[in-house]
N, C-alpha and C. Protein backbone atom coordinates (compact mmCIF):
# COMPACT_ATOMS: atom_id res chain seq x y z
N MET A 1 -12.80 -47.90 49.98
CA MET A 1 -13.22 -46.51 49.71
C MET A 1 -14.91 -47.14 49.42
N GLU A 2 -15.01 -48.04 48.71
CA GLU A 2 -16.61 -48.35 48.33
C GLU A 2 -17.40 -48.61 49.40
N ALA A 3 -16.88 -49.08 50.52
CA ALA A 3 -17.63 -49.32 51.76
C ALA A 3 -17.90 -48.33 52.87
N PHE A 4 -17.27 -47.25 52.32
CA PHE A 4 -17.45 -45.88 53.32
C PHE A 4 -18.94 -45.38 53.15
N THR A 5 -19.20 -44.88 54.25
CA THR A 5 -20.55 -44.04 54.22
C THR A 5 -20.28 -42.57 53.70
N MET A 6 -21.41 -41.97 53.46
CA MET A 6 -21.10 -40.60 52.83
C MET A 6 -20.44 -39.90 54.04
N GLY A 7 -21.03 -40.22 55.25
CA GLY A 7 -20.47 -39.24 56.56
C GLY A 7 -18.99 -39.62 56.70
N GLN A 8 -18.55 -40.78 56.49
CA GLN A 8 -17.23 -41.01 56.64
C GLN A 8 -16.17 -40.35 55.62
N LEU A 9 -16.77 -40.65 54.42
CA LEU A 9 -16.22 -40.20 53.22
C LEU A 9 -16.05 -38.49 53.47
N SER A 10 -17.19 -37.94 53.78
CA SER A 10 -16.99 -36.47 54.09
C SER A 10 -16.09 -35.93 55.21
N HIS A 11 -16.01 -36.79 56.33
CA HIS A 11 -15.19 -36.42 57.44
C HIS A 11 -13.50 -36.92 56.94
N LEU A 12 -13.30 -37.83 56.30
CA LEU A 12 -12.02 -38.35 55.66
C LEU A 12 -11.42 -37.04 54.83
N TYR A 13 -12.37 -36.57 53.94
CA TYR A 13 -12.02 -35.54 52.81
C TYR A 13 -11.64 -34.42 53.80
N ALA A 14 -12.50 -33.77 54.61
CA ALA A 14 -12.29 -32.70 55.57
C ALA A 14 -11.06 -32.86 56.45
N GLY A 15 -10.71 -34.03 56.63
CA GLY A 15 -9.61 -34.28 57.66
C GLY A 15 -8.38 -34.61 57.20
N LEU A 16 -8.23 -34.42 55.94
CA LEU A 16 -7.09 -34.65 55.35
C LEU A 16 -6.02 -33.57 55.58
N ARG A 17 -4.78 -34.09 56.21
CA ARG A 17 -3.70 -33.11 56.62
C ARG A 17 -3.09 -32.20 55.40
N SER A 18 -2.89 -32.71 54.39
CA SER A 18 -2.53 -31.94 53.41
C SER A 18 -3.45 -31.45 52.54
N SER A 19 -3.43 -29.95 52.27
CA SER A 19 -4.51 -29.40 51.52
C SER A 19 -4.09 -29.74 49.99
N SER A 20 -2.94 -30.02 49.62
CA SER A 20 -2.67 -30.48 48.27
C SER A 20 -3.40 -31.61 48.00
N ASP A 21 -3.71 -32.48 48.88
CA ASP A 21 -4.22 -33.89 48.72
C ASP A 21 -5.95 -33.44 48.78
N GLN A 22 -6.33 -32.48 49.14
CA GLN A 22 -7.68 -32.07 48.98
C GLN A 22 -7.84 -31.48 47.51
N LYS A 23 -7.04 -30.50 47.42
CA LYS A 23 -7.05 -29.98 46.08
C LYS A 23 -6.68 -30.93 44.92
N ALA A 24 -6.13 -31.98 45.03
CA ALA A 24 -6.06 -32.88 43.86
C ALA A 24 -7.21 -33.70 43.65
N ILE A 25 -7.86 -34.05 44.78
CA ILE A 25 -9.21 -34.80 44.71
C ILE A 25 -10.25 -34.09 44.18
N ALA A 26 -10.48 -32.56 44.66
CA ALA A 26 -11.26 -31.74 44.12
C ALA A 26 -11.07 -31.65 42.64
N ARG A 27 -9.90 -31.21 42.38
CA ARG A 27 -9.61 -31.13 40.85
C ARG A 27 -10.13 -32.22 39.90
N ALA A 28 -9.79 -33.46 40.54
CA ALA A 28 -10.17 -34.75 39.71
C ALA A 28 -11.54 -34.66 39.58
N MET A 29 -12.36 -34.23 40.68
CA MET A 29 -14.04 -33.93 40.38
C MET A 29 -14.36 -32.90 39.68
N GLY A 30 -13.80 -32.18 39.23
CA GLY A 30 -14.11 -30.86 38.46
C GLY A 30 -14.48 -29.75 39.25
N THR A 31 -13.75 -29.28 40.45
CA THR A 31 -14.18 -28.46 41.48
C THR A 31 -13.11 -28.07 42.14
N HIS A 32 -13.11 -27.13 43.24
CA HIS A 32 -12.07 -26.71 43.97
C HIS A 32 -12.33 -27.30 45.65
N ALA A 33 -11.45 -27.28 46.22
CA ALA A 33 -11.41 -27.98 47.59
C ALA A 33 -12.38 -27.33 48.63
N GLU A 34 -12.58 -25.98 48.67
CA GLU A 34 -13.62 -25.67 49.50
C GLU A 34 -14.97 -26.01 49.14
N LEU A 35 -15.06 -25.90 47.96
CA LEU A 35 -16.45 -26.38 47.28
C LEU A 35 -16.74 -27.84 47.48
N MET A 36 -15.56 -28.55 47.17
CA MET A 36 -15.76 -30.10 47.45
C MET A 36 -16.13 -30.15 48.81
N GLU A 37 -15.52 -29.68 49.77
CA GLU A 37 -15.70 -30.13 51.35
C GLU A 37 -17.29 -29.65 51.62
N SER A 38 -17.61 -28.39 51.05
CA SER A 38 -19.05 -28.08 51.39
C SER A 38 -20.17 -29.11 50.76
N TRP A 39 -19.96 -29.28 49.56
CA TRP A 39 -20.67 -30.37 48.66
C TRP A 39 -20.89 -31.76 49.52
N LEU A 40 -19.65 -32.44 50.04
CA LEU A 40 -19.92 -33.53 50.66
C LEU A 40 -20.53 -33.58 52.00
N LYS A 41 -20.23 -32.38 52.63
CA LYS A 41 -21.18 -32.12 53.92
C LYS A 41 -22.63 -32.16 53.58
N THR A 42 -22.91 -31.43 52.46
CA THR A 42 -24.19 -31.08 52.30
C THR A 42 -24.81 -32.55 51.71
N LEU A 43 -24.12 -33.15 50.83
CA LEU A 43 -24.69 -34.53 50.23
C LEU A 43 -24.85 -35.44 51.50
N ASN A 44 -23.95 -35.48 52.45
CA ASN A 44 -24.14 -36.18 53.52
C ASN A 44 -25.47 -35.94 54.31
N SER A 45 -25.79 -34.75 54.37
CA SER A 45 -27.13 -34.35 55.15
C SER A 45 -28.42 -34.73 54.37
N ILE A 46 -28.00 -34.47 52.93
CA ILE A 46 -29.17 -35.09 52.19
C ILE A 46 -29.18 -36.66 52.27
N ARG A 47 -28.37 -37.37 52.34
CA ARG A 47 -28.25 -38.77 52.33
C ARG A 47 -28.96 -39.06 53.68
N ASN A 48 -28.79 -38.43 54.74
CA ASN A 48 -29.29 -38.70 56.01
C ASN A 48 -30.84 -38.20 56.09
N PHE A 49 -31.34 -37.24 55.49
CA PHE A 49 -32.77 -36.94 55.35
C PHE A 49 -33.51 -38.19 54.59
N CYS A 50 -32.89 -38.37 53.53
CA CYS A 50 -33.51 -39.77 52.56
C CYS A 50 -33.63 -40.93 53.47
N ALA A 51 -32.35 -41.28 54.04
CA ALA A 51 -32.38 -42.42 54.70
C ALA A 51 -33.45 -42.72 56.14
N HIS A 52 -33.58 -41.53 56.73
CA HIS A 52 -34.62 -41.27 57.71
C HIS A 52 -35.99 -40.83 57.10
N HIS A 53 -36.33 -40.93 55.92
CA HIS A 53 -37.54 -40.71 55.20
C HIS A 53 -38.10 -39.29 55.50
N SER A 54 -37.27 -38.23 55.71
CA SER A 54 -37.56 -36.90 55.65
C SER A 54 -37.72 -36.50 54.52
N ARG A 55 -38.74 -35.42 54.60
CA ARG A 55 -38.93 -34.58 53.40
C ARG A 55 -38.14 -33.79 52.77
N LEU A 56 -37.80 -33.76 51.46
CA LEU A 56 -36.76 -32.75 50.97
C LEU A 56 -37.35 -31.57 50.39
N TRP A 57 -38.53 -31.76 49.73
CA TRP A 57 -38.96 -30.78 49.02
C TRP A 57 -39.48 -29.73 49.80
N ASN A 58 -39.04 -28.35 49.41
CA ASN A 58 -39.47 -27.07 50.16
C ASN A 58 -38.99 -27.05 51.59
N LYS A 59 -37.83 -27.71 51.84
CA LYS A 59 -37.33 -27.83 53.10
C LYS A 59 -35.93 -27.04 53.16
N GLU A 60 -35.83 -26.26 54.45
CA GLU A 60 -34.50 -25.60 54.42
C GLU A 60 -33.55 -26.58 55.21
N LEU A 61 -32.62 -26.89 54.49
CA LEU A 61 -31.53 -27.90 54.67
C LEU A 61 -30.65 -27.79 56.04
N GLY A 62 -30.46 -26.55 56.51
CA GLY A 62 -29.85 -26.29 57.78
C GLY A 62 -28.50 -25.90 57.27
N VAL A 63 -27.91 -26.46 56.35
CA VAL A 63 -26.46 -26.22 56.08
C VAL A 63 -26.59 -25.37 54.45
N SER A 64 -25.62 -24.59 54.37
CA SER A 64 -25.64 -23.85 53.06
C SER A 64 -24.64 -24.34 52.30
N ILE A 65 -24.77 -24.78 50.98
CA ILE A 65 -23.86 -25.28 50.36
C ILE A 65 -23.35 -24.10 49.43
N LYS A 66 -21.87 -24.05 49.17
CA LYS A 66 -21.08 -22.97 48.72
C LYS A 66 -21.04 -23.19 47.37
N ILE A 67 -21.51 -21.99 46.76
CA ILE A 67 -21.91 -21.75 45.28
C ILE A 67 -20.56 -21.54 44.61
N SER A 68 -20.20 -22.19 43.27
CA SER A 68 -19.09 -21.87 42.56
C SER A 68 -19.21 -20.49 41.75
N VAL A 69 -18.25 -19.67 42.01
CA VAL A 69 -18.11 -18.35 41.14
C VAL A 69 -17.02 -18.39 40.07
N SER A 70 -16.15 -19.69 40.02
CA SER A 70 -15.19 -19.97 39.21
C SER A 70 -15.81 -20.36 37.83
N PRO A 71 -15.45 -19.87 36.79
CA PRO A 71 -15.64 -20.34 35.39
C PRO A 71 -14.96 -21.78 34.97
N GLN A 72 -14.26 -22.18 35.99
CA GLN A 72 -13.71 -23.49 35.64
C GLN A 72 -14.55 -24.65 36.14
N VAL A 73 -15.54 -24.37 37.07
CA VAL A 73 -16.35 -25.32 37.69
C VAL A 73 -17.72 -24.99 36.99
N LYS A 74 -18.20 -26.21 36.18
CA LYS A 74 -19.28 -26.24 35.41
C LYS A 74 -20.58 -25.86 36.58
N TRP A 75 -21.32 -24.76 36.19
CA TRP A 75 -22.44 -24.47 37.30
C TRP A 75 -23.35 -23.77 36.43
N LEU A 76 -24.36 -23.25 37.02
CA LEU A 76 -25.43 -22.76 36.35
C LEU A 76 -24.91 -21.40 35.53
N GLN A 77 -25.52 -21.03 34.50
CA GLN A 77 -25.18 -20.12 33.83
C GLN A 77 -25.72 -18.68 34.34
N ASN A 78 -26.92 -18.76 35.12
CA ASN A 78 -27.71 -17.53 35.40
C ASN A 78 -27.92 -17.89 36.92
N GLN A 79 -28.02 -16.66 37.50
CA GLN A 79 -28.39 -16.60 39.12
C GLN A 79 -29.61 -17.09 39.13
N VAL A 80 -29.79 -17.76 40.51
CA VAL A 80 -30.91 -18.23 41.01
C VAL A 80 -31.61 -17.20 41.42
N VAL A 81 -33.11 -16.74 40.97
CA VAL A 81 -33.88 -15.93 41.47
C VAL A 81 -35.25 -16.76 42.14
N LEU A 82 -35.21 -16.50 43.21
CA LEU A 82 -36.63 -17.03 44.12
C LEU A 82 -37.66 -15.87 44.17
N ALA A 83 -38.84 -16.22 44.21
CA ALA A 83 -39.87 -15.22 44.33
C ALA A 83 -39.90 -14.39 45.96
N ASP A 84 -39.30 -15.41 46.94
CA ASP A 84 -39.11 -14.64 48.03
C ASP A 84 -37.76 -14.28 48.38
N PRO A 85 -37.35 -13.28 48.45
CA PRO A 85 -35.71 -12.84 48.75
C PRO A 85 -35.41 -12.78 49.90
N ASN A 86 -36.33 -13.27 50.75
CA ASN A 86 -36.05 -13.64 52.36
C ASN A 86 -35.53 -15.12 52.50
N ILE A 87 -35.48 -16.01 51.32
CA ILE A 87 -35.41 -17.39 51.51
C ILE A 87 -33.79 -17.43 50.93
N ASP A 88 -33.02 -18.04 51.72
CA ASP A 88 -31.57 -18.48 51.23
C ASP A 88 -31.47 -19.60 50.48
N TYR A 89 -31.58 -19.42 49.07
CA TYR A 89 -31.78 -20.52 48.32
C TYR A 89 -30.47 -21.50 48.39
N ARG A 90 -29.14 -21.04 49.02
CA ARG A 90 -28.26 -22.07 49.20
C ARG A 90 -28.49 -23.01 50.25
N LYS A 91 -29.47 -23.03 50.89
CA LYS A 91 -29.95 -24.07 51.85
C LYS A 91 -31.25 -24.67 51.55
N ARG A 92 -31.53 -24.83 50.08
CA ARG A 92 -32.43 -25.67 49.54
C ARG A 92 -32.14 -26.52 48.73
N LEU A 93 -32.73 -27.35 48.16
CA LEU A 93 -32.37 -28.63 47.52
C LEU A 93 -31.87 -28.46 46.05
N TYR A 94 -32.24 -27.22 45.33
CA TYR A 94 -31.96 -27.11 44.06
C TYR A 94 -30.33 -26.87 43.85
N PRO A 95 -29.86 -26.00 44.46
CA PRO A 95 -28.35 -26.08 44.35
C PRO A 95 -27.45 -27.27 44.66
N VAL A 96 -28.00 -28.03 45.39
CA VAL A 96 -27.37 -29.36 45.87
C VAL A 96 -27.35 -30.33 44.62
N LEU A 97 -28.54 -30.30 43.77
CA LEU A 97 -28.87 -30.84 42.60
C LEU A 97 -28.04 -30.64 41.42
N VAL A 98 -27.80 -29.29 41.47
CA VAL A 98 -26.71 -28.49 40.42
C VAL A 98 -25.09 -29.03 40.73
N ALA A 99 -25.03 -28.90 42.15
CA ALA A 99 -23.77 -29.62 42.41
C ALA A 99 -23.43 -31.01 42.07
N MET A 100 -24.63 -31.67 42.20
CA MET A 100 -24.48 -33.18 41.74
C MET A 100 -24.33 -33.32 40.20
N GLN A 101 -25.05 -32.50 39.42
CA GLN A 101 -24.62 -32.44 38.06
C GLN A 101 -23.30 -32.05 37.71
N SER A 102 -22.84 -30.81 38.49
CA SER A 102 -21.67 -30.37 38.01
C SER A 102 -20.62 -31.45 38.35
N MET A 103 -20.66 -32.62 39.31
CA MET A 103 -19.73 -33.59 39.58
C MET A 103 -19.91 -34.63 38.43
N LEU A 104 -21.15 -34.69 38.07
CA LEU A 104 -21.37 -35.93 37.16
C LEU A 104 -20.73 -35.34 35.74
N TYR A 105 -20.64 -34.12 35.39
CA TYR A 105 -20.01 -33.74 34.22
C TYR A 105 -18.49 -34.28 34.08
N THR A 106 -17.67 -34.56 35.35
CA THR A 106 -16.63 -35.30 35.22
C THR A 106 -16.55 -36.56 35.53
N ILE A 107 -17.23 -37.08 36.44
CA ILE A 107 -17.48 -38.58 36.52
C ILE A 107 -18.21 -39.18 35.64
N SER A 108 -19.10 -38.89 35.02
CA SER A 108 -19.92 -39.72 33.95
C SER A 108 -20.10 -38.53 32.87
N PRO A 109 -19.39 -37.99 31.93
CA PRO A 109 -19.87 -37.09 30.89
C PRO A 109 -20.87 -37.41 29.90
N ASP A 110 -21.27 -38.57 29.72
CA ASP A 110 -22.27 -38.95 28.99
C ASP A 110 -23.76 -38.98 29.82
N SER A 111 -23.60 -38.64 31.11
CA SER A 111 -24.86 -39.05 31.69
C SER A 111 -25.93 -37.89 31.40
N LYS A 112 -27.03 -38.51 31.36
CA LYS A 112 -28.21 -37.56 31.06
C LYS A 112 -29.18 -37.45 32.11
N TRP A 113 -28.57 -37.44 33.31
CA TRP A 113 -29.21 -37.21 34.60
C TRP A 113 -29.88 -35.84 34.74
N GLY A 114 -29.13 -34.91 34.46
CA GLY A 114 -29.52 -33.39 34.47
C GLY A 114 -30.38 -33.06 33.47
N LYS A 115 -30.59 -33.87 32.35
CA LYS A 115 -31.50 -33.58 31.44
C LYS A 115 -32.83 -34.38 31.60
N ASP A 116 -32.72 -35.68 32.22
CA ASP A 116 -33.92 -36.39 32.55
C ASP A 116 -34.51 -35.85 33.97
N CYS A 117 -33.81 -35.24 34.84
CA CYS A 117 -34.50 -34.42 35.99
C CYS A 117 -35.24 -33.43 35.81
N LYS A 118 -34.81 -32.53 34.48
CA LYS A 118 -35.54 -31.46 33.99
C LYS A 118 -35.44 -30.30 35.03
N ILE A 119 -34.40 -30.11 35.92
CA ILE A 119 -34.27 -29.01 36.68
C ILE A 119 -32.98 -28.35 36.83
N CYS A 120 -32.01 -29.27 36.24
CA CYS A 120 -30.65 -28.77 36.50
C CYS A 120 -30.44 -28.21 35.15
């Protein structure tokens, strides 16, 4: 697994035959299966942008990340409000960073990444 690319990992997770396997993996990451699939696909897109030196700031990503509505998933306490209501914030970088922080709560509970990046 350590040698997998983000794309391979995303495809492997999405292609698991058993939804119970997806649910178990997602639960271990502190989220739900449909969120996990969305997050992996979005993280793969972000990885590709970075690998090919594309800009991320103020960019519409083309994919919408699924936002958690479950109180079991650590997410933002308040709704995201943008100045322009015509912009779909789910296609922007901010919710991807929040999803990364949400997974970090499980992977590395002592991580200070969210506090250090000052946006999550």
